[in-house]
Amino acid sequence: MRRGQQAEVDTPGDNAKCYLAGSLHWRTGELFTTEGPKRDGALFVAHLHQLRRTLRRYKKIHVICDNAKFHHGCWAAWEFCHRYGDRVVLHFLPKYAPELNPIERVWWRLHEAITRNHQCQSLEELVDRVLAWLSDRKYFTVRDAAYLPTPAAGQNQAA
């Protein structure tokens, strides 16, 4: 191109975004998701409320969280913990350890399968594809070698 001129490139959409908060049931691998317009404390708290309502039969719900600022640094999350902390317990992973968070594996697979290099013409089309992919794979493997207890020093590893 000549200096000072710029070619016009057609791109679909307006770069709108949609976010999912998600949790995996430890025993069954069932995926619970909550959709929202922003990745913030409001989405996180809405997801916690959904877990509380969906998993009514459980006396305690343990939620593993990464160290995103809105998980522990927003007023709504603190208020939720104060009100429902006897039933919903948050556990924070070490910083920069996404491989220890089971839900991250779901997001990695989702990105590889759907959201990277897609050719959807609208956000609605992309969201529909994502939700269809997730509903086809309603259950995911949670337990892994990363979660097995390590043998105490001096114990025989053969069982």
N, C-alpha and C. Protein backbone atom coordinates (compact mmCIF):
# COMPACT_ATOMS: atom_id res chain seq x y z
N MET A 1 0.83 -1.18 0.00
CA MET A 1 0.00 0.00 0.00
C MET A 1 0.87 1.25 0.00
N ARG A 2 0.30 2.27 -0.49
CA ARG A 2 1.02 3.55 -0.50
C ARG A 2 1.01 4.13 0.91
N ARG A 3 2.02 4.89 1.18
CA ARG A 3 2.14 5.54 2.47
C ARG A 3 0.92 6.43 2.73
N GLY A 4 0.35 6.30 3.95
CA GLY A 4 -0.79 7.12 4.32
C GLY A 4 -2.13 6.54 3.89
N GLN A 5 -2.12 5.44 3.19
CA GLN A 5 -3.38 4.80 2.79
C GLN A 5 -3.50 3.48 3.53
N GLN A 6 -4.73 3.10 3.79
CA GLN A 6 -4.96 1.85 4.49
C GLN A 6 -6.06 1.09 3.78
N ALA A 7 -5.83 -0.18 3.55
CA ALA A 7 -6.84 -1.01 2.91
C ALA A 7 -7.95 -1.31 3.90
N GLU A 8 -9.16 -1.40 3.42
CA GLU A 8 -10.28 -1.74 4.27
C GLU A 8 -10.46 -3.25 4.26
N VAL A 9 -10.51 -3.82 5.45
CA VAL A 9 -10.65 -5.27 5.59
C VAL A 9 -11.99 -5.54 6.25
N ASP A 10 -12.83 -6.33 5.59
CA ASP A 10 -14.12 -6.69 6.15
C ASP A 10 -13.93 -7.72 7.25
N THR A 11 -14.49 -7.43 8.41
CA THR A 11 -14.46 -8.39 9.51
C THR A 11 -15.88 -8.53 10.05
N PRO A 12 -16.28 -9.75 10.38
CA PRO A 12 -17.64 -9.95 10.89
C PRO A 12 -17.78 -9.44 12.32
N GLY A 13 -18.93 -8.93 12.65
CA GLY A 13 -19.26 -8.57 14.02
C GLY A 13 -18.60 -7.31 14.53
N ASP A 14 -18.78 -7.07 15.81
CA ASP A 14 -18.24 -5.87 16.44
C ASP A 14 -17.35 -6.22 17.63
N ASN A 15 -16.78 -7.42 17.61
CA ASN A 15 -15.91 -7.92 18.67
C ASN A 15 -16.64 -8.02 20.01
N ALA A 16 -17.93 -8.31 19.95
CA ALA A 16 -18.71 -8.52 21.17
C ALA A 16 -18.22 -9.80 21.85
N LYS A 17 -18.41 -9.87 23.15
CA LYS A 17 -17.93 -11.02 23.90
C LYS A 17 -19.03 -11.58 24.79
N CYS A 18 -18.88 -12.84 25.11
CA CYS A 18 -19.77 -13.53 26.04
C CYS A 18 -18.87 -14.44 26.88
N TYR A 19 -19.14 -14.56 28.16
CA TYR A 19 -18.27 -15.32 29.04
C TYR A 19 -19.05 -16.42 29.74
N LEU A 20 -18.33 -17.48 30.10
CA LEU A 20 -18.89 -18.58 30.87
C LEU A 20 -18.10 -18.76 32.15
N ALA A 21 -18.80 -18.94 33.24
CA ALA A 21 -18.18 -19.40 34.48
C ALA A 21 -18.55 -20.87 34.57
N GLY A 22 -17.63 -21.69 35.04
CA GLY A 22 -17.93 -23.11 35.07
C GLY A 22 -17.35 -23.82 36.26
N SER A 23 -18.00 -24.93 36.61
CA SER A 23 -17.55 -25.80 37.69
C SER A 23 -17.82 -27.24 37.29
N LEU A 24 -16.95 -28.12 37.75
CA LEU A 24 -17.12 -29.55 37.52
C LEU A 24 -17.44 -30.24 38.83
N HIS A 25 -18.40 -31.15 38.78
CA HIS A 25 -18.71 -31.97 39.95
C HIS A 25 -17.57 -32.96 40.11
N TRP A 26 -16.98 -33.03 41.29
CA TRP A 26 -15.78 -33.83 41.50
C TRP A 26 -16.01 -35.32 41.24
N ARG A 27 -17.14 -35.85 41.69
CA ARG A 27 -17.37 -37.29 41.55
C ARG A 27 -17.89 -37.69 40.17
N THR A 28 -18.80 -36.91 39.62
CA THR A 28 -19.45 -37.30 38.36
C THR A 28 -18.82 -36.68 37.13
N GLY A 29 -18.14 -35.55 37.28
CA GLY A 29 -17.58 -34.85 36.14
C GLY A 29 -18.60 -34.00 35.41
N GLU A 30 -19.81 -33.85 36.00
CA GLU A 30 -20.85 -33.03 35.38
C GLU A 30 -20.41 -31.56 35.37
N LEU A 31 -20.67 -30.90 34.25
CA LEU A 31 -20.28 -29.50 34.08
C LEU A 31 -21.47 -28.59 34.35
N PHE A 32 -21.23 -27.56 35.17
CA PHE A 32 -22.23 -26.53 35.46
C PHE A 32 -21.68 -25.21 34.92
N THR A 33 -22.44 -24.52 34.09
CA THR A 33 -21.98 -23.25 33.53
C THR A 33 -23.00 -22.15 33.77
N THR A 34 -22.48 -20.94 33.83
CA THR A 34 -23.30 -19.73 33.94
C THR A 34 -22.77 -18.75 32.91
N GLU A 35 -23.66 -18.19 32.12
CA GLU A 35 -23.29 -17.27 31.05
C GLU A 35 -23.46 -15.83 31.51
N GLY A 36 -22.56 -14.96 31.04
CA GLY A 36 -22.66 -13.55 31.40
C GLY A 36 -21.95 -12.66 30.40
N PRO A 37 -22.24 -11.35 30.43
CA PRO A 37 -21.66 -10.41 29.47
C PRO A 37 -20.24 -9.98 29.80
N LYS A 38 -19.83 -10.15 31.08
CA LYS A 38 -18.49 -9.73 31.49
C LYS A 38 -17.89 -10.82 32.39
N ARG A 39 -16.57 -10.90 32.37
CA ARG A 39 -15.86 -11.82 33.26
C ARG A 39 -15.50 -11.03 34.51
N ASP A 40 -16.42 -11.05 35.47
CA ASP A 40 -16.25 -10.21 36.65
C ASP A 40 -16.88 -10.87 37.87
N GLY A 41 -16.88 -10.14 38.97
CA GLY A 41 -17.44 -10.65 40.22
C GLY A 41 -18.91 -10.98 40.13
N ALA A 42 -19.66 -10.22 39.35
CA ALA A 42 -21.10 -10.49 39.22
C ALA A 42 -21.35 -11.85 38.58
N LEU A 43 -20.57 -12.20 37.55
CA LEU A 43 -20.70 -13.51 36.92
C LEU A 43 -20.30 -14.60 37.90
N PHE A 44 -19.22 -14.39 38.64
CA PHE A 44 -18.76 -15.38 39.62
C PHE A 44 -19.82 -15.62 40.69
N VAL A 45 -20.39 -14.57 41.23
CA VAL A 45 -21.41 -14.70 42.28
C VAL A 45 -22.68 -15.35 41.71
N ALA A 46 -23.06 -14.98 40.49
CA ALA A 46 -24.22 -15.62 39.86
C ALA A 46 -23.99 -17.12 39.71
N HIS A 47 -22.75 -17.49 39.37
CA HIS A 47 -22.42 -18.91 39.24
C HIS A 47 -22.48 -19.61 40.60
N LEU A 48 -21.98 -18.96 41.64
CA LEU A 48 -22.05 -19.55 42.98
C LEU A 48 -23.50 -19.75 43.42
N HIS A 49 -24.36 -18.77 43.13
CA HIS A 49 -25.79 -18.91 43.45
C HIS A 49 -26.40 -20.08 42.68
N GLN A 50 -26.03 -20.21 41.41
CA GLN A 50 -26.55 -21.32 40.62
C GLN A 50 -26.10 -22.66 41.21
N LEU A 51 -24.85 -22.76 41.62
CA LEU A 51 -24.37 -24.00 42.24
C LEU A 51 -25.14 -24.28 43.53
N ARG A 52 -25.36 -23.26 44.32
CA ARG A 52 -26.08 -23.41 45.58
C ARG A 52 -27.50 -23.93 45.35
N ARG A 53 -28.16 -23.41 44.31
CA ARG A 53 -29.53 -23.84 44.02
C ARG A 53 -29.56 -25.22 43.36
N THR A 54 -28.62 -25.49 42.46
CA THR A 54 -28.61 -26.75 41.72
C THR A 54 -28.21 -27.92 42.62
N LEU A 55 -27.28 -27.69 43.51
CA LEU A 55 -26.77 -28.76 44.38
C LEU A 55 -27.38 -28.66 45.77
N ARG A 56 -28.70 -28.54 45.81
CA ARG A 56 -29.41 -28.34 47.07
C ARG A 56 -29.23 -29.47 48.06
N ARG A 57 -29.06 -30.69 47.56
CA ARG A 57 -29.00 -31.83 48.48
C ARG A 57 -27.67 -31.93 49.22
N TYR A 58 -26.68 -31.15 48.82
CA TYR A 58 -25.37 -31.20 49.47
C TYR A 58 -25.31 -30.21 50.62
N LYS A 59 -24.80 -30.67 51.77
CA LYS A 59 -24.67 -29.79 52.92
C LYS A 59 -23.54 -28.79 52.71
N LYS A 60 -22.46 -29.24 52.09
CA LYS A 60 -21.30 -28.37 51.80
C LYS A 60 -20.95 -28.50 50.33
N ILE A 61 -20.66 -27.36 49.72
CA ILE A 61 -20.21 -27.31 48.33
C ILE A 61 -18.83 -26.68 48.35
N HIS A 62 -17.83 -27.44 47.90
CA HIS A 62 -16.46 -26.94 47.87
C HIS A 62 -16.15 -26.50 46.44
N VAL A 63 -15.73 -25.25 46.29
CA VAL A 63 -15.45 -24.67 44.98
C VAL A 63 -13.96 -24.34 44.90
N ILE A 64 -13.28 -24.94 43.92
CA ILE A 64 -11.87 -24.65 43.70
C ILE A 64 -11.78 -23.44 42.77
N CYS A 65 -11.05 -22.42 43.20
CA CYS A 65 -10.94 -21.18 42.43
C CYS A 65 -9.48 -20.91 42.10
N ASP A 66 -9.26 -20.30 40.95
CA ASP A 66 -7.93 -19.78 40.68
C ASP A 66 -7.83 -18.43 41.37
N ASN A 67 -6.80 -17.71 41.15
CA ASN A 67 -6.60 -16.45 41.86
C ASN A 67 -7.00 -15.24 41.05
N ALA A 68 -8.04 -15.38 40.22
CA ALA A 68 -8.56 -14.22 39.50
C ALA A 68 -9.01 -13.19 40.53
N LYS A 69 -8.77 -11.94 40.24
CA LYS A 69 -9.05 -10.87 41.20
C LYS A 69 -10.51 -10.87 41.66
N PHE A 70 -11.43 -11.15 40.74
CA PHE A 70 -12.84 -11.09 41.11
C PHE A 70 -13.28 -12.29 41.95
N HIS A 71 -12.45 -13.32 42.10
CA HIS A 71 -12.81 -14.44 42.97
C HIS A 71 -12.68 -14.06 44.44
N HIS A 72 -11.75 -13.21 44.76
CA HIS A 72 -11.56 -12.85 46.17
C HIS A 72 -11.44 -11.35 46.40
N GLY A 73 -11.39 -10.57 45.34
CA GLY A 73 -11.15 -9.14 45.51
C GLY A 73 -12.36 -8.26 45.25
N CYS A 74 -13.55 -8.85 45.14
CA CYS A 74 -14.72 -8.00 44.90
C CYS A 74 -15.69 -8.11 46.07
N TRP A 75 -16.39 -7.04 46.29
CA TRP A 75 -17.30 -6.95 47.41
C TRP A 75 -18.41 -7.99 47.31
N ALA A 76 -18.94 -8.23 46.13
CA ALA A 76 -20.04 -9.19 45.96
C ALA A 76 -19.61 -10.59 46.38
N ALA A 77 -18.38 -10.98 46.07
CA ALA A 77 -17.88 -12.31 46.46
C ALA A 77 -17.76 -12.40 47.98
N TRP A 78 -17.23 -11.34 48.60
CA TRP A 78 -17.11 -11.34 50.06
C TRP A 78 -18.50 -11.40 50.72
N GLU A 79 -19.43 -10.66 50.17
CA GLU A 79 -20.79 -10.66 50.71
C GLU A 79 -21.42 -12.05 50.59
N PHE A 80 -21.22 -12.70 49.43
CA PHE A 80 -21.73 -14.05 49.24
C PHE A 80 -21.12 -15.00 50.27
N CYS A 81 -19.81 -14.93 50.46
CA CYS A 81 -19.13 -15.81 51.42
C CYS A 81 -19.62 -15.57 52.84
N HIS A 82 -19.86 -14.32 53.17
CA HIS A 82 -20.37 -14.01 54.50
C HIS A 82 -21.76 -14.61 54.71
N ARG A 83 -22.59 -14.54 53.68
CA ARG A 83 -23.96 -15.02 53.80
C ARG A 83 -24.08 -16.54 53.66
N TYR A 84 -23.32 -17.15 52.74
CA TYR A 84 -23.48 -18.58 52.46
C TYR A 84 -22.21 -19.39 52.75
N GLY A 85 -21.25 -18.80 53.45
CA GLY A 85 -19.97 -19.47 53.71
C GLY A 85 -20.07 -20.75 54.49
N ASP A 86 -21.16 -20.93 55.25
CA ASP A 86 -21.32 -22.18 55.98
C ASP A 86 -21.66 -23.34 55.03
N ARG A 87 -22.12 -23.03 53.83
CA ARG A 87 -22.51 -24.05 52.86
C ARG A 87 -21.63 -24.09 51.62
N VAL A 88 -21.17 -22.95 51.16
CA VAL A 88 -20.31 -22.87 49.97
C VAL A 88 -18.93 -22.41 50.43
N VAL A 89 -17.95 -23.30 50.28
CA VAL A 89 -16.59 -23.02 50.75
C VAL A 89 -15.69 -22.85 49.53
N LEU A 90 -14.97 -21.73 49.50
CA LEU A 90 -14.05 -21.46 48.40
C LEU A 90 -12.64 -21.89 48.79
N HIS A 91 -11.97 -22.58 47.86
CA HIS A 91 -10.58 -23.02 48.05
C HIS A 91 -9.77 -22.40 46.91
N PHE A 92 -8.69 -21.74 47.25
CA PHE A 92 -7.89 -21.06 46.25
C PHE A 92 -6.64 -21.86 45.92
N LEU A 93 -6.38 -22.03 44.63
CA LEU A 93 -5.19 -22.72 44.16
C LEU A 93 -3.98 -21.79 44.27
N PRO A 94 -2.78 -22.36 44.21
CA PRO A 94 -1.60 -21.50 44.16
C PRO A 94 -1.64 -20.63 42.91
N LYS A 95 -0.99 -19.49 42.98
CA LYS A 95 -0.94 -18.61 41.80
C LYS A 95 -0.20 -19.29 40.66
N TYR A 96 -0.64 -19.00 39.46
CA TYR A 96 -0.02 -19.49 38.23
C TYR A 96 0.05 -21.02 38.18
N ALA A 97 -1.05 -21.68 38.54
CA ALA A 97 -1.09 -23.14 38.48
C ALA A 97 -2.37 -23.61 37.79
N PRO A 98 -2.61 -23.16 36.54
CA PRO A 98 -3.86 -23.54 35.88
C PRO A 98 -3.97 -25.05 35.63
N GLU A 99 -2.84 -25.76 35.57
CA GLU A 99 -2.89 -27.19 35.34
C GLU A 99 -3.52 -27.94 36.51
N LEU A 100 -3.62 -27.31 37.68
CA LEU A 100 -4.24 -27.94 38.84
C LEU A 100 -5.74 -27.70 38.91
N ASN A 101 -6.26 -26.81 38.09
CA ASN A 101 -7.67 -26.49 38.11
C ASN A 101 -8.39 -27.34 37.06
N PRO A 102 -9.24 -28.27 37.48
CA PRO A 102 -9.89 -29.18 36.51
C PRO A 102 -10.70 -28.46 35.43
N ILE A 103 -11.32 -27.35 35.75
CA ILE A 103 -12.15 -26.66 34.76
C ILE A 103 -11.30 -26.06 33.65
N GLU A 104 -10.04 -25.76 33.93
CA GLU A 104 -9.17 -25.20 32.90
C GLU A 104 -8.99 -26.18 31.74
N ARG A 105 -8.99 -27.46 32.05
CA ARG A 105 -8.86 -28.47 30.99
C ARG A 105 -10.06 -28.42 30.05
N VAL A 106 -11.24 -28.18 30.60
CA VAL A 106 -12.44 -28.05 29.77
C VAL A 106 -12.30 -26.83 28.87
N TRP A 107 -11.88 -25.70 29.44
CA TRP A 107 -11.74 -24.48 28.64
C TRP A 107 -10.69 -24.66 27.55
N TRP A 108 -9.57 -25.34 27.86
CA TRP A 108 -8.54 -25.56 26.85
C TRP A 108 -9.08 -26.38 25.69
N ARG A 109 -9.82 -27.45 26.01
CA ARG A 109 -10.39 -28.29 24.96
C ARG A 109 -11.44 -27.53 24.16
N LEU A 110 -12.24 -26.71 24.84
CA LEU A 110 -13.26 -25.91 24.16
C LEU A 110 -12.60 -24.93 23.19
N HIS A 111 -11.56 -24.26 23.63
CA HIS A 111 -10.87 -23.31 22.74
C HIS A 111 -10.28 -24.02 21.53
N GLU A 112 -9.67 -25.17 21.74
CA GLU A 112 -9.08 -25.90 20.62
C GLU A 112 -10.16 -26.34 19.63
N ALA A 113 -11.29 -26.81 20.14
CA ALA A 113 -12.33 -27.37 19.28
C ALA A 113 -13.22 -26.32 18.61
N ILE A 114 -13.49 -25.20 19.28
CA ILE A 114 -14.51 -24.28 18.79
C ILE A 114 -14.02 -22.85 18.60
N THR A 115 -13.51 -22.23 19.64
CA THR A 115 -13.35 -20.77 19.60
C THR A 115 -12.11 -20.27 18.89
N ARG A 116 -11.10 -21.10 18.73
CA ARG A 116 -9.91 -20.64 17.98
C ARG A 116 -10.18 -20.77 16.49
N ASN A 117 -9.92 -19.73 15.77
CA ASN A 117 -10.03 -19.72 14.31
C ASN A 117 -11.40 -20.14 13.78
N HIS A 118 -12.43 -19.75 14.48
CA HIS A 118 -13.79 -20.05 14.00
C HIS A 118 -14.16 -19.09 12.87
N GLN A 119 -15.19 -19.44 12.15
CA GLN A 119 -15.66 -18.58 11.07
C GLN A 119 -17.14 -18.23 11.26
N CYS A 120 -17.55 -18.10 12.50
CA CYS A 120 -18.94 -17.73 12.79
C CYS A 120 -19.17 -16.29 12.36
N GLN A 121 -20.36 -16.02 11.87
CA GLN A 121 -20.69 -14.68 11.41
C GLN A 121 -21.25 -13.79 12.51
N SER A 122 -21.62 -14.39 13.65
CA SER A 122 -22.17 -13.59 14.75
C SER A 122 -21.80 -14.23 16.08
N LEU A 123 -21.91 -13.44 17.13
CA LEU A 123 -21.65 -13.94 18.46
C LEU A 123 -22.67 -15.02 18.82
N GLU A 124 -23.92 -14.82 18.42
CA GLU A 124 -24.96 -15.80 18.72
C GLU A 124 -24.63 -17.17 18.11
N GLU A 125 -24.12 -17.17 16.89
CA GLU A 125 -23.73 -18.42 16.24
C GLU A 125 -22.60 -19.10 17.01
N LEU A 126 -21.62 -18.32 17.44
CA LEU A 126 -20.50 -18.87 18.20
C LEU A 126 -20.98 -19.42 19.55
N VAL A 127 -21.82 -18.67 20.25
CA VAL A 127 -22.35 -19.12 21.54
C VAL A 127 -23.15 -20.42 21.35
N ASP A 128 -23.95 -20.50 20.30
CA ASP A 128 -24.70 -21.72 20.02
C ASP A 128 -23.77 -22.91 19.82
N ARG A 129 -22.68 -22.70 19.08
CA ARG A 129 -21.70 -23.78 18.86
C ARG A 129 -21.05 -24.21 20.17
N VAL A 130 -20.68 -23.23 20.98
CA VAL A 130 -20.05 -23.53 22.27
C VAL A 130 -21.01 -24.33 23.15
N LEU A 131 -22.24 -23.86 23.27
CA LEU A 131 -23.21 -24.55 24.13
C LEU A 131 -23.53 -25.94 23.61
N ALA A 132 -23.59 -26.11 22.29
CA ALA A 132 -23.82 -27.44 21.72
C ALA A 132 -22.64 -28.36 22.03
N TRP A 133 -21.42 -27.85 21.91
CA TRP A 133 -20.24 -28.65 22.20
C TRP A 133 -20.24 -29.08 23.67
N LEU A 134 -20.57 -28.14 24.55
CA LEU A 134 -20.61 -28.46 25.98
C LEU A 134 -21.72 -29.44 26.32
N SER A 135 -22.88 -29.30 25.70
CA SER A 135 -23.99 -30.21 26.01
C SER A 135 -23.72 -31.62 25.46
N ASP A 136 -22.98 -31.72 24.34
CA ASP A 136 -22.60 -33.04 23.83
C ASP A 136 -21.62 -33.73 24.77
N ARG A 137 -20.85 -32.95 25.50
CA ARG A 137 -19.84 -33.48 26.42
C ARG A 137 -20.20 -33.02 27.83
N LYS A 138 -21.34 -33.43 28.30
CA LYS A 138 -21.86 -32.96 29.59
C LYS A 138 -20.98 -33.39 30.77
N TYR A 139 -20.22 -34.48 30.58
CA TYR A 139 -19.39 -34.99 31.67
C TYR A 139 -17.92 -35.01 31.25
N PHE A 140 -17.05 -34.62 32.17
CA PHE A 140 -15.62 -34.54 31.91
C PHE A 140 -14.87 -35.28 33.01
N THR A 141 -13.67 -35.75 32.70
CA THR A 141 -12.84 -36.42 33.69
C THR A 141 -12.24 -35.38 34.62
N VAL A 142 -12.38 -35.62 35.91
CA VAL A 142 -11.85 -34.69 36.89
C VAL A 142 -10.63 -35.28 37.57
N ARG A 143 -10.75 -36.48 38.04
CA ARG A 143 -9.65 -37.08 38.81
C ARG A 143 -8.47 -37.36 37.89
N ASP A 144 -7.30 -37.12 38.42
CA ASP A 144 -6.09 -37.19 37.62
C ASP A 144 -4.93 -37.43 38.58
N ALA A 145 -3.77 -37.77 38.04
CA ALA A 145 -2.59 -38.00 38.87
C ALA A 145 -2.23 -36.76 39.69
N ALA A 146 -2.59 -35.58 39.21
CA ALA A 146 -2.27 -34.35 39.95
C ALA A 146 -3.00 -34.28 41.28
N TYR A 147 -4.08 -35.05 41.45
CA TYR A 147 -4.89 -34.98 42.66
C TYR A 147 -4.70 -36.18 43.57
N LEU A 148 -3.84 -37.12 43.18
CA LEU A 148 -3.60 -38.29 44.03
C LEU A 148 -2.68 -37.89 45.17
N PRO A 149 -2.94 -38.46 46.36
CA PRO A 149 -2.05 -38.14 47.48
C PRO A 149 -0.66 -38.72 47.22
N THR A 150 0.35 -38.00 47.65
CA THR A 150 1.71 -38.50 47.49
C THR A 150 2.04 -39.36 48.70
N PRO A 151 2.77 -40.45 48.49
CA PRO A 151 3.11 -41.31 49.63
C PRO A 151 4.01 -40.58 50.62
N ALA A 152 3.81 -40.88 51.89
CA ALA A 152 4.64 -40.27 52.93
C ALA A 152 6.04 -40.84 52.83
N ALA A 153 7.01 -40.11 53.32
CA ALA A 153 8.40 -40.54 53.25
C ALA A 153 8.56 -41.88 53.96
N GLY A 154 9.27 -42.80 53.31
CA GLY A 154 9.54 -44.10 53.92
C GLY A 154 8.46 -45.13 53.66
N GLN A 155 7.32 -44.75 53.08
CA GLN A 155 6.26 -45.72 52.79
C GLN A 155 6.56 -46.45 51.50
N ASN A 156 6.16 -47.68 51.45
CA ASN A 156 6.33 -48.48 50.25
C ASN A 156 5.27 -48.04 49.23
N GLN A 157 5.66 -47.75 48.01
CA GLN A 157 4.72 -47.28 47.01
C GLN A 157 3.93 -48.42 46.37
N ALA A 158 4.38 -49.64 46.51
CA ALA A 158 3.64 -50.77 45.96
C ALA A 158 2.47 -51.08 46.87
N ALA A 159 1.31 -51.25 46.29
CA ALA A 159 0.12 -51.54 47.11
C ALA A 159 -0.56 -52.78 46.65
